[in-house]
Amino acid sequence: MRIATWNVNSITARLPRLLAWLESTGTDVLCLQEAKVAAEQFPSDQLRELGYEVAVNATGRWNGVAVISRVGLEDVVRGLPGDPGYEGVEEPRAVSVTCGPVRVWSVYVPNGREVDHPHYAYKLGWFEALKAAVAADAAGSRPFAVLGDYNVAPTDDDVYDLAAFEGLTHITPAERAALAALRETGLTDVVPRPLKYDHPYTYWDYRQLGFPKNRGMRIDLVYGNEPFAQAVKDAYVDRDERKGKGASDHAPVVVDLEV
């Protein structure tokens, strides 16, 4: 089974590339982030034509997540139980489903914006809710994983230049502590490093030639429980999909399982 996660940064803008990528890679399950459309505008019909079922949690031009599967789609839960909300609104940042023998979450963790911004506190609270929501599955015997854009670089090696991020979000001790607390539920990063590249980043800013200069961050992660991790046969960042006209600013992260 091939499972992937990809922040497409607008499903509308990325649809031709997405359809081509699904066909060329033979991906069975895709956890998608930043759909940036309402659920009724999601291109479910085009995906069904390729043999995929779709579970979407999306409400408009911001955020939005989905799971796209051709190996079954059951027990769909939209949203994050215990979501603290931001300014009284529960944003569409999580959806969980069962795809054949595997249970997956697609998550788009809040950005945080700035350290002294209310959105940063929301981000930390969201992580706490996520930890509580996944704890039982993480400790279970069924293969289980939380895939998505975590908006946190786990280590200093996961950013191209630590000095460039001084005082900014994504690398603060509190964010990394929240990520570590999530791992304590029984989850582990299943993507090996250094992979096929010295710096396996997953995100490069569109501005200032971020991708050509490899000024990236590794913030798109696959955290699996022990049964999931033991089933992993290969894992990589599809850096080629970040190339060319019309690419997302994130690359897909792909995991091959033997289940």
C-alpha atoms as a PDB file:
ATOM      1  CA  MET A   1       0.000   0.000   0.000  1.00  0.00           C
ATOM      2  CA  ARG A   2       1.277   3.447  -0.902  1.00  0.00           C
ATOM      3  CA  ILE A   3       0.230   6.280   1.414  1.00  0.00           C
ATOM      4  CA  ALA A   4       1.206   9.924   0.965  1.00  0.00           C
ATOM      5  CA  THR A   5       0.646  13.358   2.429  1.00  0.00           C
ATOM      6  CA  TRP A   6       0.657  16.558   0.407  1.00  0.00           C
ATOM      7  CA  ASN A   7      -0.156  20.180   1.160  1.00  0.00           C
ATOM      8  CA  VAL A   8      -1.412  21.184  -2.282  1.00  0.00           C
ATOM      9  CA  ASN A   9      -1.930  24.874  -1.430  1.00  0.00           C
ATOM     10  CA  SER A  10      -5.278  25.031  -3.320  1.00  0.00           C
ATOM     11  CA  ILE A  11      -6.880  21.965  -4.845  1.00  0.00           C
ATOM     12  CA  THR A  12      -8.272  24.148  -7.621  1.00  0.00           C
ATOM     13  CA  ALA A  13      -4.865  25.428  -8.686  1.00  0.00           C
ATOM     14  CA  ARG A  14      -3.223  22.033  -8.301  1.00  0.00           C
ATOM     15  CA  LEU A  15      -5.874  19.714  -9.759  1.00  0.00           C
ATOM     16  CA  PRO A  16      -4.180  18.881 -13.102  1.00  0.00           C
ATOM     17  CA  ARG A  17      -0.909  18.096 -11.348  1.00  0.00           C
ATOM     18  CA  LEU A  18      -2.695  16.144  -8.627  1.00  0.00           C
ATOM     19  CA  LEU A  19      -4.564  13.902 -11.058  1.00  0.00           C
ATOM     20  CA  ALA A  20      -1.409  13.260 -13.076  1.00  0.00           C
ATOM     21  CA  TRP A  21       0.582  12.554  -9.920  1.00  0.00           C
ATOM     22  CA  LEU A  22      -1.949  10.054  -8.589  1.00  0.00           C
ATOM     23  CA  GLU A  23      -1.910   8.155 -11.866  1.00  0.00           C
ATOM     24  CA  SER A  24       1.863   8.173 -12.283  1.00  0.00           C
ATOM     25  CA  THR A  25       2.679   7.156  -8.705  1.00  0.00           C
ATOM     26  CA  GLY A  26      -0.085   4.641  -8.082  1.00  0.00           C
ATOM     27  CA  THR A  27      -0.811   6.164  -4.695  1.00  0.00           C
ATOM     28  CA  ASP A  28      -3.520   4.299  -2.789  1.00  0.00           C
ATOM     29  CA  VAL A  29      -4.212   6.828  -0.037  1.00  0.00           C
ATOM     30  CA  LEU A  30      -3.469  10.552  -0.090  1.00  0.00           C
ATOM     31  CA  CYS A  31      -3.831  12.820   2.919  1.00  0.00           C
ATOM     32  CA  LEU A  32      -4.273  16.308   1.511  1.00  0.00           C
ATOM     33  CA  GLN A  33      -4.029  19.726   3.176  1.00  0.00           C
ATOM     34  CA  GLU A  34      -4.920  23.312   2.279  1.00  0.00           C
ATOM     35  CA  ALA A  35      -7.729  22.445  -0.100  1.00  0.00           C
ATOM     36  CA  LYS A  36      -8.867  26.079   0.086  1.00  0.00           C
ATOM     37  CA  VAL A  37     -12.377  25.321  -1.175  1.00  0.00           C
ATOM     38  CA  ALA A  38     -15.748  24.540   0.347  1.00  0.00           C
ATOM     39  CA  ALA A  39     -16.596  20.841   0.521  1.00  0.00           C
ATOM     40  CA  GLU A  40     -19.132  21.136  -2.293  1.00  0.00           C
ATOM     41  CA  GLN A  41     -16.442  22.626  -4.545  1.00  0.00           C
ATOM     42  CA  PHE A  42     -13.961  19.821  -3.951  1.00  0.00           C
ATOM     43  CA  PRO A  43     -13.293  17.919  -7.226  1.00  0.00           C
ATOM     44  CA  SER A  44     -14.693  14.633  -5.949  1.00  0.00           C
ATOM     45  CA  ASP A  45     -16.155  13.646  -9.331  1.00  0.00           C
ATOM     46  CA  GLN A  46     -12.789  13.870 -11.107  1.00  0.00           C
ATOM     47  CA  LEU A  47     -11.191  11.767  -8.390  1.00  0.00           C
ATOM     48  CA  ARG A  48     -13.953   9.166  -8.524  1.00  0.00           C
ATOM     49  CA  GLU A  49     -13.270   8.796 -12.239  1.00  0.00           C
ATOM     50  CA  LEU A  50      -9.791   7.617 -11.239  1.00  0.00           C
ATOM     51  CA  GLY A  51     -11.247   5.135  -8.770  1.00  0.00           C
ATOM     52  CA  TYR A  52     -10.878   7.126  -5.556  1.00  0.00           C
ATOM     53  CA  GLU A  53     -13.297   7.787  -2.728  1.00  0.00           C
ATOM     54  CA  VAL A  54     -13.025  11.100  -0.924  1.00  0.00           C
ATOM     55  CA  ALA A  55     -13.560  12.314   2.648  1.00  0.00           C
ATOM     56  CA  VAL A  56     -13.401  16.097   2.911  1.00  0.00           C
ATOM     57  CA  ASN A  57     -13.432  18.575   5.772  1.00  0.00           C
ATOM     58  CA  ALA A  58     -13.450  22.007   4.161  1.00  0.00           C
ATOM     59  CA  THR A  59     -15.517  25.159   4.492  1.00  0.00           C
ATOM     60  CA  GLY A  60     -14.068  27.834   2.222  1.00  0.00           C
ATOM     61  CA  ARG A  61     -11.027  29.643   0.951  1.00  0.00           C
ATOM     62  CA  TRP A  62      -8.775  28.825   3.921  1.00  0.00           C
ATOM     63  CA  ASN A  63      -7.478  25.548   5.340  1.00  0.00           C
ATOM     64  CA  GLY A  64      -9.375  22.388   4.400  1.00  0.00           C
ATOM     65  CA  VAL A  65      -8.202  18.761   4.530  1.00  0.00           C
ATOM     66  CA  ALA A  66      -9.128  15.514   2.819  1.00  0.00           C
ATOM     67  CA  VAL A  67      -8.305  11.843   2.520  1.00  0.00           C
ATOM     68  CA  ILE A  68      -8.442  10.316  -0.958  1.00  0.00           C
ATOM     69  CA  SER A  69      -8.474   6.512  -1.070  1.00  0.00           C
ATOM     70  CA  ARG A  70      -8.852   3.696  -3.569  1.00  0.00           C
ATOM     71  CA  VAL A  71      -8.589   0.954  -0.921  1.00  0.00           C
ATOM     72  CA  GLY A  72     -11.700   1.773   1.076  1.00  0.00           C
ATOM     73  CA  LEU A  73     -12.973   4.698   3.110  1.00  0.00           C
ATOM     74  CA  GLU A  74     -14.831   3.969   6.333  1.00  0.00           C
ATOM     75  CA  ASP A  75     -15.490   5.412   9.784  1.00  0.00           C
ATOM     76  CA  VAL A  76     -15.004   9.009   8.667  1.00  0.00           C
ATOM     77  CA  VAL A  77     -14.590  11.591  11.425  1.00  0.00           C
ATOM     78  CA  ARG A  78     -14.425  15.223  10.344  1.00  0.00           C
ATOM     79  CA  GLY A  79     -12.805  17.686  12.696  1.00  0.00           C
ATOM     80  CA  LEU A  80     -10.690  17.375  15.823  1.00  0.00           C
ATOM     81  CA  PRO A  81     -12.459  16.295  19.022  1.00  0.00           C
ATOM     82  CA  GLY A  82     -11.749  18.906  21.659  1.00  0.00           C
ATOM     83  CA  ASP A  83     -10.664  21.485  19.079  1.00  0.00           C
ATOM     84  CA  PRO A  84     -10.069  24.700  21.052  1.00  0.00           C
ATOM     85  CA  GLY A  85     -11.192  26.825  18.109  1.00  0.00           C
ATOM     86  CA  TYR A  86      -9.807  30.155  17.015  1.00  0.00           C
ATOM     87  CA  GLU A  87     -11.869  33.255  17.693  1.00  0.00           C
ATOM     88  CA  GLY A  88     -14.847  31.012  18.328  1.00  0.00           C
ATOM     89  CA  VAL A  89     -14.480  29.015  15.107  1.00  0.00           C
ATOM     90  CA  GLU A  90     -13.419  25.398  14.688  1.00  0.00           C
ATOM     91  CA  GLU A  91     -11.315  25.520  11.542  1.00  0.00           C
ATOM     92  CA  PRO A  92     -11.349  22.539   9.116  1.00  0.00           C
ATOM     93  CA  ARG A  93      -7.936  21.103   9.950  1.00  0.00           C
ATOM     94  CA  ALA A  94      -8.472  17.388  10.529  1.00  0.00           C
ATOM     95  CA  VAL A  95     -10.209  14.363   9.076  1.00  0.00           C
ATOM     96  CA  SER A  96      -9.667  10.731  10.051  1.00  0.00           C
ATOM     97  CA  VAL A  97     -10.676   7.594   8.151  1.00  0.00           C
ATOM     98  CA  THR A  98     -10.037   3.871   7.886  1.00  0.00           C
ATOM     99  CA  CYS A  99      -8.534   2.778   4.570  1.00  0.00           C
ATOM    100  CA  GLY A 100      -8.429  -1.000   4.413  1.00  0.00           C
ATOM    101  CA  PRO A 101      -6.220  -2.228   7.279  1.00  0.00           C
ATOM    102  CA  VAL A 102      -4.904   1.236   8.164  1.00  0.00           C
ATOM    103  CA  ARG A 103      -6.397   4.139  10.112  1.00  0.00           C
ATOM    104  CA  VAL A 104      -5.090   7.583   9.092  1.00  0.00           C
ATOM    105  CA  TRP A 105      -5.533  11.217  10.013  1.00  0.00           C
ATOM    106  CA  SER A 106      -4.919  14.092   7.623  1.00  0.00           C
ATOM    107  CA  VAL A 107      -3.988  17.173   9.650  1.00  0.00           C
ATOM    108  CA  TYR A 108      -3.145  20.770   8.923  1.00  0.00           C
ATOM    109  CA  VAL A 109      -1.744  22.134  12.167  1.00  0.00           C
ATOM    110  CA  PRO A 110      -2.289  25.877  12.730  1.00  0.00           C
ATOM    111  CA  ASN A 111       0.580  28.061  11.544  1.00  0.00           C
ATOM    112  CA  GLY A 112       0.896  30.112  14.717  1.00  0.00           C
ATOM    113  CA  ARG A 113       1.764  33.284  12.770  1.00  0.00           C
ATOM    114  CA  GLU A 114       3.907  34.983  15.443  1.00  0.00           C
ATOM    115  CA  VAL A 115       5.050  33.923  18.895  1.00  0.00           C
ATOM    116  CA  ASP A 116       3.065  36.660  20.635  1.00  0.00           C
ATOM    117  CA  HIS A 117      -0.008  36.211  18.410  1.00  0.00           C
ATOM    118  CA  PRO A 118      -3.203  34.518  19.710  1.00  0.00           C
ATOM    119  CA  HIS A 119      -2.879  32.061  16.832  1.00  0.00           C
ATOM    120  CA  TYR A 120       0.304  30.718  18.438  1.00  0.00           C
ATOM    121  CA  ALA A 121      -1.555  29.855  21.635  1.00  0.00           C
ATOM    122  CA  TYR A 122      -4.263  28.283  19.478  1.00  0.00           C
ATOM    123  CA  LYS A 123      -1.600  26.170  17.776  1.00  0.00           C
ATOM    124  CA  LEU A 124      -0.321  24.812  21.082  1.00  0.00           C
ATOM    125  CA  GLY A 125      -3.856  24.125  22.284  1.00  0.00           C
ATOM    126  CA  TRP A 126      -4.623  22.359  19.019  1.00  0.00           C
ATOM    127  CA  PHE A 127      -1.627  20.089  19.532  1.00  0.00           C
ATOM    128  CA  GLU A 128      -2.903  19.194  23.006  1.00  0.00           C
ATOM    129  CA  ALA A 129      -6.300  18.273  21.573  1.00  0.00           C
ATOM    130  CA  LEU A 130      -4.647  16.220  18.825  1.00  0.00           C
ATOM    131  CA  LYS A 131      -2.595  14.289  21.371  1.00  0.00           C
ATOM    132  CA  ALA A 132      -5.714  13.413  23.355  1.00  0.00           C
ATOM    133  CA  ALA A 133      -7.661  12.469  20.234  1.00  0.00           C
ATOM    134  CA  VAL A 134      -5.082  10.051  18.795  1.00  0.00           C
ATOM    135  CA  ALA A 135      -3.775   8.463  21.997  1.00  0.00           C
ATOM    136  CA  ALA A 136      -5.962   5.352  21.891  1.00  0.00           C
ATOM    137  CA  ASP A 137      -5.247   4.571  18.231  1.00  0.00           C
ATOM    138  CA  ALA A 138      -1.550   5.328  18.671  1.00  0.00           C
ATOM    139  CA  ALA A 139      -1.332   2.701  21.405  1.00  0.00           C
ATOM    140  CA  GLY A 140      -3.443   0.175  19.513  1.00  0.00           C
ATOM    141  CA  SER A 141      -2.582  -2.907  17.476  1.00  0.00           C
ATOM    142  CA  ARG A 142      -3.947  -1.618  14.161  1.00  0.00           C
ATOM    143  CA  PRO A 143      -1.556   0.292  11.850  1.00  0.00           C
ATOM    144  CA  PHE A 144      -2.238   3.969  12.490  1.00  0.00           C
ATOM    145  CA  ALA A 145      -0.645   7.211  11.331  1.00  0.00           C
ATOM    146  CA  VAL A 146      -1.108  10.958  11.540  1.00  0.00           C
ATOM    147  CA  LEU A 147       0.034  12.549   8.288  1.00  0.00           C
ATOM    148  CA  GLY A 148       0.110  16.169   7.290  1.00  0.00           C
ATOM    149  CA  ASP A 149       1.542  19.631   7.518  1.00  0.00           C
ATOM    150  CA  TYR A 150       2.591  19.984  11.149  1.00  0.00           C
ATOM    151  CA  ASN A 151       3.991  23.504  10.737  1.00  0.00           C
ATOM    152  CA  VAL A 152       6.870  22.547  13.046  1.00  0.00           C
ATOM    153  CA  ALA A 153      10.434  21.631  12.103  1.00  0.00           C
ATOM    154  CA  PRO A 154      11.297  18.827  14.563  1.00  0.00           C
ATOM    155  CA  THR A 155      15.023  19.628  14.814  1.00  0.00           C
ATOM    156  CA  ASP A 156      17.483  22.363  13.887  1.00  0.00           C
ATOM    157  CA  ASP A 157      18.580  20.213  10.948  1.00  0.00           C
ATOM    158  CA  ASP A 158      15.076  20.490   9.504  1.00  0.00           C
ATOM    159  CA  VAL A 159      15.522  24.129   8.442  1.00  0.00           C
ATOM    160  CA  TYR A 160      18.037  25.413   5.927  1.00  0.00           C
ATOM    161  CA  ASP A 161      19.418  28.136   8.201  1.00  0.00           C
ATOM    162  CA  LEU A 162      18.487  28.328  11.857  1.00  0.00           C
ATOM    163  CA  ALA A 163      19.511  31.980  12.061  1.00  0.00           C
ATOM    164  CA  ALA A 164      16.942  32.859   9.398  1.00  0.00           C
ATOM    165  CA  PHE A 165      14.169  31.661  11.721  1.00  0.00           C
ATOM    166  CA  GLU A 166      15.368  33.297  14.918  1.00  0.00           C
ATOM    167  CA  GLY A 167      12.398  34.678  16.829  1.00  0.00           C
ATOM    168  CA  LEU A 168       9.895  33.079  14.452  1.00  0.00           C
ATOM    169  CA  THR A 169       7.424  30.242  14.817  1.00  0.00           C
ATOM    170  CA  HIS A 170       7.946  26.656  13.618  1.00  0.00           C
ATOM    171  CA  ILE A 171      11.159  26.142  15.623  1.00  0.00           C
ATOM    172  CA  THR A 172      10.310  27.364  19.130  1.00  0.00           C
ATOM    173  CA  PRO A 173      10.858  25.121  22.163  1.00  0.00           C
ATOM    174  CA  ALA A 174       7.128  25.121  22.957  1.00  0.00           C
ATOM    175  CA  GLU A 175       6.176  23.911  19.470  1.00  0.00           C
ATOM    176  CA  ARG A 176       8.813  21.202  19.516  1.00  0.00           C
ATOM    177  CA  ALA A 177       7.707  20.161  22.990  1.00  0.00           C
ATOM    178  CA  ALA A 178       4.156  19.809  21.684  1.00  0.00           C
ATOM    179  CA  LEU A 179       5.449  17.620  18.870  1.00  0.00           C
ATOM    180  CA  ALA A 180       7.457  15.529  21.330  1.00  0.00           C
ATOM    181  CA  ALA A 181       4.367  15.106  23.513  1.00  0.00           C
ATOM    182  CA  LEU A 182       2.489  13.772  20.499  1.00  0.00           C
ATOM    183  CA  ARG A 183       5.221  11.196  19.935  1.00  0.00           C
ATOM    184  CA  GLU A 184       4.879  10.089  23.545  1.00  0.00           C
ATOM    185  CA  THR A 185       1.505   8.565  22.673  1.00  0.00           C
ATOM    186  CA  GLY A 186       3.407   5.874  20.771  1.00  0.00           C
ATOM    187  CA  LEU A 187       3.993   7.603  17.448  1.00  0.00           C
ATOM    188  CA  THR A 188       7.304   7.841  15.627  1.00  0.00           C
ATOM    189  CA  ASP A 189       8.582   9.671  12.550  1.00  0.00           C
ATOM    190  CA  VAL A 190       8.658   6.912   9.935  1.00  0.00           C
ATOM    191  CA  VAL A 191      10.453   8.879   7.215  1.00  0.00           C
ATOM    192  CA  PRO A 192      14.189   8.107   7.447  1.00  0.00           C
ATOM    193  CA  ARG A 193      16.768  10.809   7.228  1.00  0.00           C
ATOM    194  CA  PRO A 194      18.778  11.753   5.235  1.00  0.00           C
ATOM    195  CA  LEU A 195      16.755   9.905   2.593  1.00  0.00           C
ATOM    196  CA  LYS A 196      17.924  10.517  -0.971  1.00  0.00           C
ATOM    197  CA  TYR A 197      18.981  14.092  -0.247  1.00  0.00           C
ATOM    198  CA  ASP A 198      21.275  15.672   2.300  1.00  0.00           C
ATOM    199  CA  HIS A 199      18.407  17.893   3.438  1.00  0.00           C
ATOM    200  CA  PRO A 200      15.022  16.255   2.812  1.00  0.00           C
ATOM    201  CA  TYR A 201      12.923  19.381   3.138  1.00  0.00           C
ATOM    202  CA  THR A 202       9.233  19.305   2.266  1.00  0.00           C
ATOM    203  CA  TYR A 203       8.459  23.024   1.959  1.00  0.00           C
ATOM    204  CA  TRP A 204      10.166  25.844   0.085  1.00  0.00           C
ATOM    205  CA  ASP A 205       8.819  29.402  -0.037  1.00  0.00           C
ATOM    206  CA  TYR A 206       7.818  30.656  -3.473  1.00  0.00           C
ATOM    207  CA  ARG A 207       9.683  33.874  -2.769  1.00  0.00           C
ATOM    208  CA  GLN A 208      13.388  34.631  -3.204  1.00  0.00           C
ATOM    209  CA  LEU A 209      14.114  31.463  -5.207  1.00  0.00           C
ATOM    210  CA  GLY A 210      13.436  29.310  -2.173  1.00  0.00           C
ATOM    211  CA  PHE A 211      13.361  26.026  -4.078  1.00  0.00           C
ATOM    212  CA  PRO A 212      16.268  26.555  -6.502  1.00  0.00           C
ATOM    213  CA  LYS A 213      18.428  27.641  -3.557  1.00  0.00           C
ATOM    214  CA  ASN A 214      17.084  24.791  -1.389  1.00  0.00           C
ATOM    215  CA  ARG A 215      16.005  27.174   1.353  1.00  0.00           C
ATOM    216  CA  GLY A 216      13.539  24.736   2.800  1.00  0.00           C
ATOM    217  CA  MET A 217      11.965  23.273   5.907  1.00  0.00           C
ATOM    218  CA  ARG A 218      10.875  19.768   6.836  1.00  0.00           C
ATOM    219  CA  ILE A 219       7.406  20.327   8.260  1.00  0.00           C
ATOM    220  CA  ASP A 220       5.293  17.723   6.434  1.00  0.00           C
ATOM    221  CA  LEU A 221       5.532  14.590   8.538  1.00  0.00           C
ATOM    222  CA  VAL A 222       4.282  11.028   8.834  1.00  0.00           C
ATOM    223  CA  TYR A 223       3.953   9.880  12.437  1.00  0.00           C
ATOM    224  CA  GLY A 224       2.942   6.226  12.800  1.00  0.00           C
ATOM    225  CA  ASN A 225       2.416   3.816  15.654  1.00  0.00           C
ATOM    226  CA  GLU A 226       4.555   0.695  16.049  1.00  0.00           C
ATOM    227  CA  PRO A 227       2.460  -1.577  13.779  1.00  0.00           C
ATOM    228  CA  PHE A 228       2.527   1.107  11.081  1.00  0.00           C
ATOM    229  CA  ALA A 229       6.260   1.750  11.445  1.00  0.00           C
ATOM    230  CA  GLN A 230       7.051  -1.955  11.240  1.00  0.00           C
ATOM    231  CA  ALA A 231       5.127  -2.186   7.963  1.00  0.00           C
ATOM    232  CA  VAL A 232       7.103   0.617   6.273  1.00  0.00           C
ATOM    233  CA  LYS A 233       9.212  -0.619   3.361  1.00  0.00           C
ATOM    234  CA  ASP A 234      10.202   2.730   1.845  1.00  0.00           C
ATOM    235  CA  ALA A 235       9.633   6.417   2.505  1.00  0.00           C
ATOM    236  CA  TYR A 236      10.717   9.522   0.657  1.00  0.00           C
ATOM    237  CA  VAL A 237      10.018  13.134  -0.259  1.00  0.00           C
ATOM    238  CA  ASP A 238       8.893  13.442  -3.887  1.00  0.00           C
ATOM    239  CA  ARG A 239      11.050  16.461  -4.556  1.00  0.00           C
ATOM    240  CA  ASP A 240      10.434  16.277  -8.314  1.00  0.00           C
ATOM    241  CA  GLU A 241       6.784  17.237  -7.804  1.00  0.00           C
ATOM    242  CA  ARG A 242       7.948  20.586  -6.391  1.00  0.00           C
ATOM    243  CA  LYS A 243       9.593  21.413  -9.734  1.00  0.00           C
ATOM    244  CA  GLY A 244       8.144  23.207 -12.723  1.00  0.00           C
ATOM    245  CA  LYS A 245       5.265  25.556 -13.404  1.00  0.00           C
ATOM    246  CA  GLY A 246       2.207  25.355 -11.208  1.00  0.00           C
ATOM    247  CA  ALA A 247       3.789  23.399  -8.351  1.00  0.00           C
ATOM    248  CA  SER A 248       2.679  23.655  -4.751  1.00  0.00           C
ATOM    249  CA  ASP A 249       5.192  25.127  -2.324  1.00  0.00           C
ATOM    250  CA  HIS A 250       5.153  21.725  -0.580  1.00  0.00           C
ATOM    251  CA  ALA A 251       6.326  18.370  -1.935  1.00  0.00           C
ATOM    252  CA  PRO A 252       4.462  15.108  -1.312  1.00  0.00           C
ATOM    253  CA  VAL A 253       5.846  12.735   1.301  1.00  0.00           C
ATOM    254  CA  VAL A 254       5.350   9.097   0.283  1.00  0.00           C
ATOM    255  CA  VAL A 255       5.380   5.948   2.405  1.00  0.00           C
ATOM    256  CA  ASP A 256       5.173   2.383   1.077  1.00  0.00           C
ATOM    257  CA  LEU A 257       3.732  -0.231   3.419  1.00  0.00           C
ATOM    258  CA  GLU A 258       3.519  -3.997   3.390  1.00  0.00           C
ATOM    259  CA  VAL A 259       0.165  -4.664   5.049  1.00  0.00           C
END
